[in-house]
Amino acid sequence: MHNNAKDNKLLSAWSRLIIVLLLLCLGALRPAGAATYLGTATVYQGGDPARVIDVVYVPIGFTDSWLYPAFTEGTVPYTSQFLTSYAPFTSYQSFFNIHRLDAYSTVNEEAALRTLASQYLPDVDVIIFVYRDATALVNRCGGEPNVLACANMGGDVHIHYGTYMDVLAHELGHAIGYLADEYVSTTNCPSGVYEGLEPTSINATINTDRTALKWRDWLGIDGVDLFPGALYCSTGAYRPRATCRMGAYDGGSPQQPFDPVCREGLIREINSRVYPFVSLTPSNQFQFNLSPQPKTFSVVPDLNIRPQGAAYQYEWYLNYQLIPGATSTSYTLDLSTLAPGQTHTLRIVPVDPDINDFVRIANLEKPAAIETGWFISVVATAPTISSFTPTSGGAGVPVTISGSNFTGATAVKFNGTLSTYQVVSAMQINATVPASATTGPITVTTPNGTATSAQTFTVYSPPTITYYSPLSALPGALVNVYGNNFCGIPCNPADTQLKLNGVSITPTSVSATNIQFTLPAGSTSGYLTVTTPFGAGSVYFIVQGVPQIIYFGPFIATTGTIVTIQGFNFCGIPCFASQTQARLNGLLLPITEIFPGYLKVQIPAGAASGYLTVTTPAGMATSSSQLIIQQPPTISSFTPTSGPVGTLVDMSGFPFCAFPCDASQIRVSLNGAPVTLRAALPGYLRLEIPPGATSGKFTVTTAVGSVTSTGTFTVTP
């Protein structure tokens, strides 16, 4: 948590950085003496010194003839162009201020100059010491002869006179980005084999498992792979790409740019050293003993600190958990959702906007600047109930309870009966009236106490219908509905609504257990619903309609035949046969069995073919086809007219039987002897000439008569 931006920059281990840059300048050395402060100058201003990285160039061993102009007008302005010449520094120019400290000194006065830098440039973060003495350079680099440059990650930087910016960018990769060297040196690795532990730098590894590489997400992108040769050793240590600014400097053409892994790691470290906030509200970061209610926390960003020219994006974290959707510079936190008596953290993290489409280095967080935030605690407060709605209802009715401090609720009760509930917020609970609830107050219990409503919740049961009579009826019929809770006590009929299939009906009488009404004209079948202020109950009620005939059988009948008629609305429920008549061609038929969906009639003597009708008090139905009363049969033809025993003879005529056809009622003979009947329909017979048959005429006998053919069938040998 950030309290004082500049103090943290100067004191924290990850933001405190001293870079020593040794630049060899030609010329005579000023005689030894105490360091003499001459003044300071700002070479480049990127932002507020309290919030950005402040770099200062400090000369060591310079005399007046070399300080001016070699240091002030040569070394400093030239090498500081790394900020505008090399990526990724070019995208983060507003993150840096570059200053110059002018002083005379000997080569051994680094400590004194460090004191002067802190005194006259108190916001300093990075000190680049510029040496002009070759011997001092070698001594600072471990005594190695012909040294071009050397550095320790996060420590001193030493650089030889030459192509200053290339070397400086390389050394800043060590000092700011903690990047490893990506070249081979027999001096530093005589055996050529790296035998150390896994390096901490993101751009060097001993691991050859590609699925576990630090830069596994970069593989195949912009030349990134696994290349031997890193940390000065030709084998045993690997780098991400064949070429990189962290490779060897040949003293000629400019070095290759940082490879993607190094660039992204350097971006991450640059971000981590700036504080892009002007102020925060509340300004006191220790917000203790707050009341459990919504409170807004906000920051004012420093818009001059713009990574890659785009504003920071923001993420908010509560107790180290990301708050989804919180991305602005302010956030309203409902403090009642926090556990009381504990210290909570609310943080806002400025995140690099990623306009370069970073491919994240495995296991590293996204680049982010110094965060800020607050420590918060909330006082424990008992819940309160201010209201609830509705104020009455039956089991299963949802009730919204309003109040405060509902977070962590452990029980909601209706007059002592536990209910199911959901804590919507610290100020609202949605509960359901339990099945066994009774009239009384509502209580809400949390670890901090129990709240009891001042108002009573009235529990009523919805109406229930247990029986009604008749079960179906015609308009105008008197209907009785029986059940419970049709009205309150005392009963107010005006509170009871009755509907059939959605149409209101006015009851003739209402009590708690009975409703009586007359079925109105035009009523249709549907749900009969009784509704009270406490709920509704319904059953399906059938309004008897006009009868319909959809089928009858048999289609051909004789006297005494039982005919079944199928359809609808032949009677009500219960069914009374006295209210239904069936007729054939106007002749009244005796009904032997009746139900709402079918009835049976018997064909009396003297009946003639015609249409069937069914008549009820609701109307009359007529069959779509006639019922045929069977007459004595006739033979119109047969073929063949001759043949041997076994010949099949097809005979036409009508009516040989009823429909469906009962072949057992048909007898056929030839010249008086029985003939085998193979198939029978009302208008068709198939016969087989039996052994012993003799020529003659066919005779067909049915239940209503017989007929003899006019033609003769000749039995041939």
Foldseek 3Di string as FASTA:
>chain_A
DDQFQLVCLCPPPLNAFEEEEEEADDDDFDDADAKFFDDKFWPDALDDLSFAAEEEEEEERDDPVCVPPVVPPNPVVVQVCLCCPAPPSVQFVSRYIYMYTDIHHHNPCPVVRVVVCCVRPVSHRYYYYYHRDPVSLCVVVVNDPPDAWDEAQRYYIYGYHANNNLRVVLRCLRDQLVAFAQAADCVQVVVLADDDQADPHLFKGLDPPLVPHLQNLCPPPPAFDWAAGTNNHRPSMTGGHPADSSYDDPRDDHGDHHDQRSNQSSLQRNQANGDFFDAKPVRDQEAEAAAQAKDKIFTHGNQSRARSNHFWWKWKDKQNHTDPPPTDRMDIDRSLQDDAPDKIKIKMWTFRPCPVVRSDRPPDDGRTYDIDTHIYHYHQDFWEWDDKPPQEAEFFDKMKTFTASLHQWDFKDQVNHTWDWDPPDRTIIITTHHHPHAKAWMWIQHPRGIYTDPGIRHYDHAWEWDDKPPLEEAQFDKIKTFTAQLADVVGDPVQKWWDFPRHTFDWPDDDRTMTIGGRHPPGAWGWIWIGGPHGIYIDTGHYQAAWEWDDKDDLEEEAFDKMKTFTARLATVVGDCVQKWKDAVNHTWDWPDDDRTMTITGHHPPDAKGWMKMAGPNGMYIDPDIRHYAAEKDWDDKPDQEEAAFDKMKTFIAQLAIVVGDCVQKWKAAPPHTWAWDDHDRTMTITGRHPPDAKGWMKMAGPHGIDIDPGIRHHDD
